[in-house]
Amino acid sequence: MAKERSLGGQVLAEVIGTFILILMGCGVVANVGLAPRLAAQAYDWVTIAFGWGIAVMTAVYAVAGVSGAHINPAVTIALAVKGDFPWRKVIPYIIGQMVGAFLGALGVYLAYRDGLVAAGLPNVWCTGPGSVYEQAFWGGSNVGIRPIGFYSIETAFITEILGTLVLVLGVCAITDRKNVGAGANTAPFMIGMLVVGIGLTLGGPSGYAINPARDLGPRILGTLVGTRGLFEGWYWIGPPIVGTIIGGIIGALIYKYLISPYLPKE
């Protein structure tokens, strides 16, 4: 008889899955930002988008059979609102995701420490003002809380809502057997490609956190190791936390009330 999945085992899987996500995701940002082996022109936004997509795919393949591989508090909350996940598990899952995100960022620090220290500990950790991709791709400034490149924080907030809406809506569709669904074990690959698509189409204004743990866990680690300004102003709690949660809930409700009722019953 198969062993019943315990909540402890599911939370541990969320820790491991989110660790993989951030280790590879923030890892590609560090690699792009520091460009240790190739000229800066060899790296671009596409590299970051595909790096994050592969990170998501790997994490989902690794732990989906245990916990469902939410690896994202916005997904966990959205599925609970939709009625597909028990509310009693929401807080433990989010704690696991936050721990995993922090540990993943620690892994990136250990891997890239020499380059990070030499570069003055730039923000490879989280989205928003002062991030390395803000300076690399938008010509932004990390002085104070100013518009992110050519985009305001309010616009970033809206973009995080839209990006997370698409993420949750897409995840619901990909994993729904009543819909077209994903064949065999291709769902993790399709979810990874979904994240690539979000990065390429909606990633510019905010850096597409689309995941509170992805942003907050590394933000805490970055502050502890010496990156400055990560908690200045209100950005850190706005677009990447409140915005993503709102977007996730909207995406789940759109799928529940505007798509699911019209799918085939059999």
C-alpha atoms as a PDB file:
ATOM      1  CA  MET A   1       0.000   0.000   0.000  1.00  0.00           C
ATOM      2  CA  ALA A   2       1.304   3.438  -0.892  1.00  0.00           C
ATOM      3  CA  LYS A   3       2.242   5.607   2.037  1.00  0.00           C
ATOM      4  CA  GLU A   4      -0.241   8.393   2.668  1.00  0.00           C
ATOM      5  CA  ARG A   5       1.222  11.825   2.142  1.00  0.00           C
ATOM      6  CA  SER A   6       1.623  13.701   5.424  1.00  0.00           C
ATOM      7  CA  LEU A   7       1.403  17.452   5.770  1.00  0.00           C
ATOM      8  CA  GLY A   8       4.987  17.464   7.032  1.00  0.00           C
ATOM      9  CA  GLY A   9       6.166  15.684   3.904  1.00  0.00           C
ATOM     10  CA  GLN A  10       4.202  18.064   1.696  1.00  0.00           C
ATOM     11  CA  VAL A  11       5.680  21.117   3.404  1.00  0.00           C
ATOM     12  CA  LEU A  12       9.168  19.647   3.084  1.00  0.00           C
ATOM     13  CA  ALA A  13       8.500  19.160  -0.635  1.00  0.00           C
ATOM     14  CA  GLU A  14       7.508  22.836  -0.887  1.00  0.00           C
ATOM     15  CA  VAL A  15      10.775  23.781   0.821  1.00  0.00           C
ATOM     16  CA  ILE A  16      12.773  21.689  -1.646  1.00  0.00           C
ATOM     17  CA  GLY A  17      10.784  22.803  -4.682  1.00  0.00           C
ATOM     18  CA  THR A  18      11.045  26.491  -3.840  1.00  0.00           C
ATOM     19  CA  PHE A  19      14.740  26.050  -3.048  1.00  0.00           C
ATOM     20  CA  ILE A  20      15.288  24.683  -6.568  1.00  0.00           C
ATOM     21  CA  LEU A  21      13.199  27.483  -8.056  1.00  0.00           C
ATOM     22  CA  ILE A  22      15.205  30.266  -6.427  1.00  0.00           C
ATOM     23  CA  LEU A  23      18.605  28.582  -6.716  1.00  0.00           C
ATOM     24  CA  MET A  24      18.201  28.351 -10.479  1.00  0.00           C
ATOM     25  CA  GLY A  25      16.069  31.472 -10.966  1.00  0.00           C
ATOM     26  CA  CYS A  26      18.129  33.969  -8.996  1.00  0.00           C
ATOM     27  CA  GLY A  27      21.133  32.034 -10.252  1.00  0.00           C
ATOM     28  CA  VAL A  28      20.395  33.010 -13.847  1.00  0.00           C
ATOM     29  CA  VAL A  29      19.896  36.634 -12.778  1.00  0.00           C
ATOM     30  CA  ALA A  30      23.297  36.597 -11.056  1.00  0.00           C
ATOM     31  CA  ASN A  31      24.875  34.990 -14.095  1.00  0.00           C
ATOM     32  CA  VAL A  32      23.395  37.617 -16.391  1.00  0.00           C
ATOM     33  CA  GLY A  33      24.180  40.509 -14.050  1.00  0.00           C
ATOM     34  CA  LEU A  34      27.766  39.516 -13.379  1.00  0.00           C
ATOM     35  CA  ALA A  35      28.503  37.975 -16.817  1.00  0.00           C
ATOM     36  CA  PRO A  36      31.653  36.247 -15.508  1.00  0.00           C
ATOM     37  CA  ARG A  37      32.635  34.432 -18.708  1.00  0.00           C
ATOM     38  CA  LEU A  38      31.075  36.263 -21.633  1.00  0.00           C
ATOM     39  CA  ALA A  39      30.692  39.879 -22.618  1.00  0.00           C
ATOM     40  CA  ALA A  40      27.534  41.505 -21.350  1.00  0.00           C
ATOM     41  CA  GLN A  41      26.070  41.542 -24.855  1.00  0.00           C
ATOM     42  CA  ALA A  42      25.913  37.738 -24.765  1.00  0.00           C
ATOM     43  CA  TYR A  43      23.212  37.907 -22.108  1.00  0.00           C
ATOM     44  CA  ASP A  44      19.760  39.374 -22.470  1.00  0.00           C
ATOM     45  CA  TRP A  45      16.202  39.255 -21.145  1.00  0.00           C
ATOM     46  CA  VAL A  46      15.527  36.036 -23.061  1.00  0.00           C
ATOM     47  CA  THR A  47      18.264  34.322 -21.036  1.00  0.00           C
ATOM     48  CA  ILE A  48      16.561  35.353 -17.803  1.00  0.00           C
ATOM     49  CA  ALA A  49      13.098  34.344 -19.024  1.00  0.00           C
ATOM     50  CA  PHE A  50      14.204  30.865 -20.091  1.00  0.00           C
ATOM     51  CA  GLY A  51      16.303  30.434 -16.948  1.00  0.00           C
ATOM     52  CA  TRP A  52      13.272  31.083 -14.747  1.00  0.00           C
ATOM     53  CA  GLY A  53      11.104  28.836 -16.891  1.00  0.00           C
ATOM     54  CA  ILE A  54      13.571  25.959 -16.582  1.00  0.00           C
ATOM     55  CA  ALA A  55      13.780  26.612 -12.836  1.00  0.00           C
ATOM     56  CA  VAL A  56      10.002  26.298 -12.500  1.00  0.00           C
ATOM     57  CA  MET A  57       9.900  23.185 -14.677  1.00  0.00           C
ATOM     58  CA  THR A  58      12.633  21.470 -12.655  1.00  0.00           C
ATOM     59  CA  ALA A  59      11.020  22.335  -9.330  1.00  0.00           C
ATOM     60  CA  VAL A  60       7.607  21.085 -10.427  1.00  0.00           C
ATOM     61  CA  TYR A  61       9.021  17.834 -11.790  1.00  0.00           C
ATOM     62  CA  ALA A  62      10.897  17.323  -8.520  1.00  0.00           C
ATOM     63  CA  VAL A  63       8.070  17.666  -5.992  1.00  0.00           C
ATOM     64  CA  ALA A  64       4.680  17.795  -7.740  1.00  0.00           C
ATOM     65  CA  GLY A  65       3.941  14.187  -6.825  1.00  0.00           C
ATOM     66  CA  VAL A  66       4.226  15.018  -3.123  1.00  0.00           C
ATOM     67  CA  SER A  67       2.859  18.523  -2.612  1.00  0.00           C
ATOM     68  CA  GLY A  68       1.449  19.565  -5.970  1.00  0.00           C
ATOM     69  CA  ALA A  69       4.467  21.878  -6.357  1.00  0.00           C
ATOM     70  CA  HIS A  70       2.731  25.150  -5.583  1.00  0.00           C
ATOM     71  CA  ILE A  71       6.150  26.721  -4.805  1.00  0.00           C
ATOM     72  CA  ASN A  72       4.283  30.045  -4.679  1.00  0.00           C
ATOM     73  CA  PRO A  73       2.059  31.525  -1.948  1.00  0.00           C
ATOM     74  CA  ALA A  74      -0.080  33.254  -4.586  1.00  0.00           C
ATOM     75  CA  VAL A  75      -0.856  29.859  -6.135  1.00  0.00           C
ATOM     76  CA  THR A  76      -1.564  28.288  -2.744  1.00  0.00           C
ATOM     77  CA  ILE A  77      -3.963  31.066  -1.731  1.00  0.00           C
ATOM     78  CA  ALA A  78      -5.635  31.111  -5.156  1.00  0.00           C
ATOM     79  CA  LEU A  79      -6.270  27.362  -5.100  1.00  0.00           C
ATOM     80  CA  ALA A  80      -7.700  27.638  -1.580  1.00  0.00           C
ATOM     81  CA  VAL A  81     -10.056  30.417  -2.712  1.00  0.00           C
ATOM     82  CA  LYS A  82     -11.041  28.280  -5.712  1.00  0.00           C
ATOM     83  CA  GLY A  83     -11.855  25.400  -3.374  1.00  0.00           C
ATOM     84  CA  ASP A  84      -9.176  23.021  -4.652  1.00  0.00           C
ATOM     85  CA  PHE A  85      -6.899  23.224  -1.610  1.00  0.00           C
ATOM     86  CA  PRO A  86      -7.703  23.055   2.127  1.00  0.00           C
ATOM     87  CA  TRP A  87      -7.279  26.306   4.035  1.00  0.00           C
ATOM     88  CA  ARG A  88      -5.695  24.477   6.978  1.00  0.00           C
ATOM     89  CA  LYS A  89      -2.647  23.783   4.809  1.00  0.00           C
ATOM     90  CA  VAL A  90      -2.196  27.313   3.482  1.00  0.00           C
ATOM     91  CA  ILE A  91      -0.015  28.729   6.276  1.00  0.00           C
ATOM     92  CA  PRO A  92       2.259  25.641   6.524  1.00  0.00           C
ATOM     93  CA  TYR A  93       2.734  25.665   2.746  1.00  0.00           C
ATOM     94  CA  ILE A  94       3.603  29.368   2.725  1.00  0.00           C
ATOM     95  CA  ILE A  95       6.100  28.906   5.559  1.00  0.00           C
ATOM     96  CA  GLY A  96       7.736  26.076   3.614  1.00  0.00           C
ATOM     97  CA  GLN A  97       7.873  28.205   0.476  1.00  0.00           C
ATOM     98  CA  MET A  98       9.465  31.106   2.329  1.00  0.00           C
ATOM     99  CA  VAL A  99      12.090  28.861   3.920  1.00  0.00           C
ATOM    100  CA  GLY A 100      12.881  27.287   0.560  1.00  0.00           C
ATOM    101  CA  ALA A 101      13.164  30.688  -1.130  1.00  0.00           C
ATOM    102  CA  PHE A 102      15.562  31.952   1.542  1.00  0.00           C
ATOM    103  CA  LEU A 103      17.718  28.827   1.285  1.00  0.00           C
ATOM    104  CA  GLY A 104      17.738  29.014  -2.501  1.00  0.00           C
ATOM    105  CA  ALA A 105      18.967  32.601  -2.338  1.00  0.00           C
ATOM    106  CA  LEU A 106      21.644  31.495   0.128  1.00  0.00           C
ATOM    107  CA  GLY A 107      22.770  28.911  -2.406  1.00  0.00           C
ATOM    108  CA  VAL A 108      23.071  31.636  -5.057  1.00  0.00           C
ATOM    109  CA  TYR A 109      25.119  33.759  -2.665  1.00  0.00           C
ATOM    110  CA  LEU A 110      27.491  30.878  -1.978  1.00  0.00           C
ATOM    111  CA  ALA A 111      27.854  30.082  -5.689  1.00  0.00           C
ATOM    112  CA  TYR A 112      28.384  33.687  -6.814  1.00  0.00           C
ATOM    113  CA  ARG A 113      29.899  35.207  -3.679  1.00  0.00           C
ATOM    114  CA  ASP A 114      33.212  36.200  -5.267  1.00  0.00           C
ATOM    115  CA  GLY A 115      31.557  37.999  -8.146  1.00  0.00           C
ATOM    116  CA  LEU A 116      28.862  39.573  -5.980  1.00  0.00           C
ATOM    117  CA  VAL A 117      31.373  40.960  -3.488  1.00  0.00           C
ATOM    118  CA  ALA A 118      33.595  42.275  -6.280  1.00  0.00           C
ATOM    119  CA  ALA A 119      30.587  44.010  -7.849  1.00  0.00           C
ATOM    120  CA  GLY A 120      29.526  45.604  -4.554  1.00  0.00           C
ATOM    121  CA  LEU A 121      26.722  43.125  -3.757  1.00  0.00           C
ATOM    122  CA  PRO A 122      24.229  44.265  -6.414  1.00  0.00           C
ATOM    123  CA  ASN A 123      20.563  43.299  -6.203  1.00  0.00           C
ATOM    124  CA  VAL A 124      20.309  39.957  -7.987  1.00  0.00           C
ATOM    125  CA  TRP A 125      17.754  38.865  -5.405  1.00  0.00           C
ATOM    126  CA  CYS A 126      14.423  40.496  -6.036  1.00  0.00           C
ATOM    127  CA  THR A 127      12.395  42.701  -8.329  1.00  0.00           C
ATOM    128  CA  GLY A 128      11.904  46.453  -8.324  1.00  0.00           C
ATOM    129  CA  PRO A 129      14.125  49.499  -7.879  1.00  0.00           C
ATOM    130  CA  GLY A 130      17.848  48.780  -7.836  1.00  0.00           C
ATOM    131  CA  SER A 131      17.686  45.330  -9.428  1.00  0.00           C
ATOM    132  CA  VAL A 132      20.447  44.419 -11.864  1.00  0.00           C
ATOM    133  CA  TYR A 133      18.021  43.968 -14.739  1.00  0.00           C
ATOM    134  CA  GLU A 134      16.530  47.401 -14.059  1.00  0.00           C
ATOM    135  CA  GLN A 135      19.926  48.932 -14.743  1.00  0.00           C
ATOM    136  CA  ALA A 136      20.871  46.536 -17.542  1.00  0.00           C
ATOM    137  CA  PHE A 137      17.678  46.709 -19.566  1.00  0.00           C
ATOM    138  CA  TRP A 138      15.879  49.922 -18.589  1.00  0.00           C
ATOM    139  CA  GLY A 139      18.713  52.286 -17.684  1.00  0.00           C
ATOM    140  CA  GLY A 140      17.135  52.828 -14.308  1.00  0.00           C
ATOM    141  CA  SER A 141      18.571  54.230 -11.119  1.00  0.00           C
ATOM    142  CA  ASN A 142      18.795  52.615  -7.709  1.00  0.00           C
ATOM    143  CA  VAL A 143      18.668  55.939  -5.874  1.00  0.00           C
ATOM    144  CA  GLY A 144      15.525  56.063  -3.776  1.00  0.00           C
ATOM    145  CA  ILE A 145      12.160  54.800  -4.918  1.00  0.00           C
ATOM    146  CA  ARG A 146      11.893  56.199  -8.415  1.00  0.00           C
ATOM    147  CA  PRO A 147      10.025  54.933 -11.468  1.00  0.00           C
ATOM    148  CA  ILE A 148      11.329  51.538 -12.528  1.00  0.00           C
ATOM    149  CA  GLY A 149      13.032  52.439 -15.768  1.00  0.00           C
ATOM    150  CA  PHE A 150      10.193  54.013 -17.720  1.00  0.00           C
ATOM    151  CA  TYR A 151       7.496  52.398 -15.556  1.00  0.00           C
ATOM    152  CA  SER A 152       5.938  53.652 -12.333  1.00  0.00           C
ATOM    153  CA  ILE A 153       5.424  51.494  -9.271  1.00  0.00           C
ATOM    154  CA  GLU A 154       1.685  51.721  -9.884  1.00  0.00           C
ATOM    155  CA  THR A 155       2.180  50.259 -13.348  1.00  0.00           C
ATOM    156  CA  ALA A 156       4.373  47.529 -11.872  1.00  0.00           C
ATOM    157  CA  PHE A 157       1.554  46.737  -9.429  1.00  0.00           C
ATOM    158  CA  ILE A 158      -0.941  46.324 -12.268  1.00  0.00           C
ATOM    159  CA  THR A 159       1.523  44.202 -14.246  1.00  0.00           C
ATOM    160  CA  GLU A 160       2.083  41.854 -11.304  1.00  0.00           C
ATOM    161  CA  ILE A 161      -1.681  41.395 -11.017  1.00  0.00           C
ATOM    162  CA  LEU A 162      -1.934  40.585 -14.714  1.00  0.00           C
ATOM    163  CA  GLY A 163       1.118  38.313 -14.766  1.00  0.00           C
ATOM    164  CA  THR A 164      -0.023  36.263 -11.773  1.00  0.00           C
ATOM    165  CA  LEU A 165      -3.558  36.125 -13.164  1.00  0.00           C
ATOM    166  CA  VAL A 166      -2.162  34.545 -16.342  1.00  0.00           C
ATOM    167  CA  LEU A 167       0.043  32.200 -14.303  1.00  0.00           C
ATOM    168  CA  VAL A 168      -2.780  30.814 -12.156  1.00  0.00           C
ATOM    169  CA  LEU A 169      -5.254  30.691 -15.031  1.00  0.00           C
ATOM    170  CA  GLY A 170      -2.684  28.795 -17.100  1.00  0.00           C
ATOM    171  CA  VAL A 171      -1.820  26.383 -14.290  1.00  0.00           C
ATOM    172  CA  CYS A 172      -5.514  25.625 -13.738  1.00  0.00           C
ATOM    173  CA  ALA A 173      -5.960  24.879 -17.439  1.00  0.00           C
ATOM    174  CA  ILE A 174      -2.794  22.806 -17.831  1.00  0.00           C
ATOM    175  CA  THR A 175      -3.641  20.609 -14.838  1.00  0.00           C
ATOM    176  CA  ASP A 176      -7.373  20.234 -15.597  1.00  0.00           C
ATOM    177  CA  ARG A 177      -8.088  16.880 -17.224  1.00  0.00           C
ATOM    178  CA  LYS A 178     -11.499  18.122 -18.355  1.00  0.00           C
ATOM    179  CA  ASN A 179      -9.804  20.791 -20.429  1.00  0.00           C
ATOM    180  CA  VAL A 180      -7.273  20.086 -23.197  1.00  0.00           C
ATOM    181  CA  GLY A 181      -4.793  19.385 -20.401  1.00  0.00           C
ATOM    182  CA  ALA A 182      -1.209  18.143 -20.654  1.00  0.00           C
ATOM    183  CA  GLY A 183      -0.453  14.640 -21.864  1.00  0.00           C
ATOM    184  CA  ALA A 184       1.586  12.084 -19.941  1.00  0.00           C
ATOM    185  CA  ASN A 185       3.970  13.950 -17.624  1.00  0.00           C
ATOM    186  CA  THR A 186       4.331  17.117 -19.690  1.00  0.00           C
ATOM    187  CA  ALA A 187       2.482  19.438 -17.258  1.00  0.00           C
ATOM    188  CA  PRO A 188       5.689  20.645 -15.529  1.00  0.00           C
ATOM    189  CA  PHE A 189       7.241  21.422 -18.910  1.00  0.00           C
ATOM    190  CA  MET A 190       4.152  23.361 -19.998  1.00  0.00           C
ATOM    191  CA  ILE A 191       4.070  25.306 -16.723  1.00  0.00           C
ATOM    192  CA  GLY A 192       7.732  26.179 -17.221  1.00  0.00           C
ATOM    193  CA  MET A 193       6.971  27.400 -20.733  1.00  0.00           C
ATOM    194  CA  LEU A 194       4.068  29.414 -19.330  1.00  0.00           C
ATOM    195  CA  VAL A 195       6.509  31.224 -17.030  1.00  0.00           C
ATOM    196  CA  VAL A 196       8.847  31.838 -19.981  1.00  0.00           C
ATOM    197  CA  GLY A 197       5.909  33.332 -21.868  1.00  0.00           C
ATOM    198  CA  ILE A 198       4.936  35.590 -18.973  1.00  0.00           C
ATOM    199  CA  GLY A 199       8.505  36.830 -18.681  1.00  0.00           C
ATOM    200  CA  LEU A 200       8.755  37.571 -22.391  1.00  0.00           C
ATOM    201  CA  THR A 201       5.374  39.303 -22.648  1.00  0.00           C
ATOM    202  CA  LEU A 202       4.638  40.874 -19.252  1.00  0.00           C
ATOM    203  CA  GLY A 203       7.989  40.855 -17.485  1.00  0.00           C
ATOM    204  CA  GLY A 204       9.240  44.337 -18.335  1.00  0.00           C
ATOM    205  CA  PRO A 205       7.453  46.777 -16.037  1.00  0.00           C
ATOM    206  CA  SER A 206       8.033  44.897 -12.771  1.00  0.00           C
ATOM    207  CA  GLY A 207      10.522  42.090 -13.364  1.00  0.00           C
ATOM    208  CA  TYR A 208       7.597  39.622 -12.975  1.00  0.00           C
ATOM    209  CA  ALA A 209       7.888  38.319  -9.437  1.00  0.00           C
ATOM    210  CA  ILE A 210       4.483  36.578  -9.848  1.00  0.00           C
ATOM    211  CA  ASN A 211       5.334  34.884  -6.546  1.00  0.00           C
ATOM    212  CA  PRO A 212       5.568  36.507  -3.081  1.00  0.00           C
ATOM    213  CA  ALA A 213       8.090  33.939  -1.793  1.00  0.00           C
ATOM    214  CA  ARG A 214      10.262  34.313  -4.887  1.00  0.00           C
ATOM    215  CA  ASP A 215      10.631  38.000  -4.071  1.00  0.00           C
ATOM    216  CA  LEU A 216      10.519  38.226  -0.270  1.00  0.00           C
ATOM    217  CA  GLY A 217      12.747  35.255   0.643  1.00  0.00           C
ATOM    218  CA  PRO A 218      15.699  36.396  -1.499  1.00  0.00           C
ATOM    219  CA  ARG A 219      15.042  40.008  -0.459  1.00  0.00           C
ATOM    220  CA  ILE A 220      15.605  39.031   3.180  1.00  0.00           C
ATOM    221  CA  LEU A 221      18.740  37.047   2.338  1.00  0.00           C
ATOM    222  CA  GLY A 222      20.091  39.879   0.209  1.00  0.00           C
ATOM    223  CA  THR A 223      19.621  42.335   3.054  1.00  0.00           C
ATOM    224  CA  LEU A 224      21.408  40.025   5.491  1.00  0.00           C
ATOM    225  CA  VAL A 225      24.449  39.620   3.228  1.00  0.00           C
ATOM    226  CA  GLY A 226      24.772  43.355   2.629  1.00  0.00           C
ATOM    227  CA  THR A 227      22.761  44.432  -0.420  1.00  0.00           C
ATOM    228  CA  ARG A 228      21.349  47.849   0.400  1.00  0.00           C
ATOM    229  CA  GLY A 229      17.973  49.427  -0.172  1.00  0.00           C
ATOM    230  CA  LEU A 230      15.914  46.275  -0.587  1.00  0.00           C
ATOM    231  CA  PHE A 231      13.277  47.369   1.941  1.00  0.00           C
ATOM    232  CA  GLU A 232      13.219  51.093   1.226  1.00  0.00           C
ATOM    233  CA  GLY A 233       9.773  52.487   0.467  1.00  0.00           C
ATOM    234  CA  TRP A 234       6.659  50.382  -0.038  1.00  0.00           C
ATOM    235  CA  TYR A 235       7.525  48.614  -3.275  1.00  0.00           C
ATOM    236  CA  TRP A 236       8.579  45.366  -1.557  1.00  0.00           C
ATOM    237  CA  ILE A 237       5.110  44.720  -0.133  1.00  0.00           C
ATOM    238  CA  GLY A 238       3.149  46.211  -3.028  1.00  0.00           C
ATOM    239  CA  PRO A 239       3.593  44.656  -6.490  1.00  0.00           C
ATOM    240  CA  PRO A 240       5.423  41.425  -5.542  1.00  0.00           C
ATOM    241  CA  ILE A 241       3.231  40.493  -2.567  1.00  0.00           C
ATOM    242  CA  VAL A 242      -0.170  42.195  -2.595  1.00  0.00           C
ATOM    243  CA  GLY A 243      -0.295  42.453  -6.380  1.00  0.00           C
ATOM    244  CA  THR A 244       0.574  38.807  -6.976  1.00  0.00           C
ATOM    245  CA  ILE A 245      -1.947  37.544  -4.419  1.00  0.00           C
ATOM    246  CA  ILE A 246      -4.712  39.655  -5.964  1.00  0.00           C
ATOM    247  CA  GLY A 247      -3.793  38.464  -9.453  1.00  0.00           C
ATOM    248  CA  GLY A 248      -3.711  34.821  -8.404  1.00  0.00           C
ATOM    249  CA  ILE A 249      -7.147  35.003  -6.818  1.00  0.00           C
ATOM    250  CA  ILE A 250      -8.624  36.703  -9.880  1.00  0.00           C
ATOM    251  CA  GLY A 251      -7.091  34.078 -12.171  1.00  0.00           C
ATOM    252  CA  ALA A 252      -8.484  31.213 -10.104  1.00  0.00           C
ATOM    253  CA  LEU A 253     -11.965  32.741  -9.972  1.00  0.00           C
ATOM    254  CA  ILE A 254     -11.997  33.409 -13.723  1.00  0.00           C
ATOM    255  CA  TYR A 255     -11.189  29.758 -14.329  1.00  0.00           C
ATOM    256  CA  LYS A 256     -13.728  28.513 -11.782  1.00  0.00           C
ATOM    257  CA  TYR A 257     -16.689  30.629 -12.883  1.00  0.00           C
ATOM    258  CA  LEU A 258     -16.035  31.558 -16.520  1.00  0.00           C
ATOM    259  CA  ILE A 259     -14.278  28.465 -17.912  1.00  0.00           C
ATOM    260  CA  SER A 260     -14.925  25.368 -15.793  1.00  0.00           C
ATOM    261  CA  PRO A 261     -18.754  25.472 -16.081  1.00  0.00           C
ATOM    262  CA  TYR A 262     -18.510  25.233 -19.871  1.00  0.00           C
ATOM    263  CA  LEU A 263     -16.096  22.295 -20.050  1.00  0.00           C
ATOM    264  CA  PRO A 264     -17.374  18.817 -20.992  1.00  0.00           C
ATOM    265  CA  LYS A 265     -18.832  16.946 -18.024  1.00  0.00           C
ATOM    266  CA  GLU A 266     -17.318  13.615 -19.038  1.00  0.00           C
END
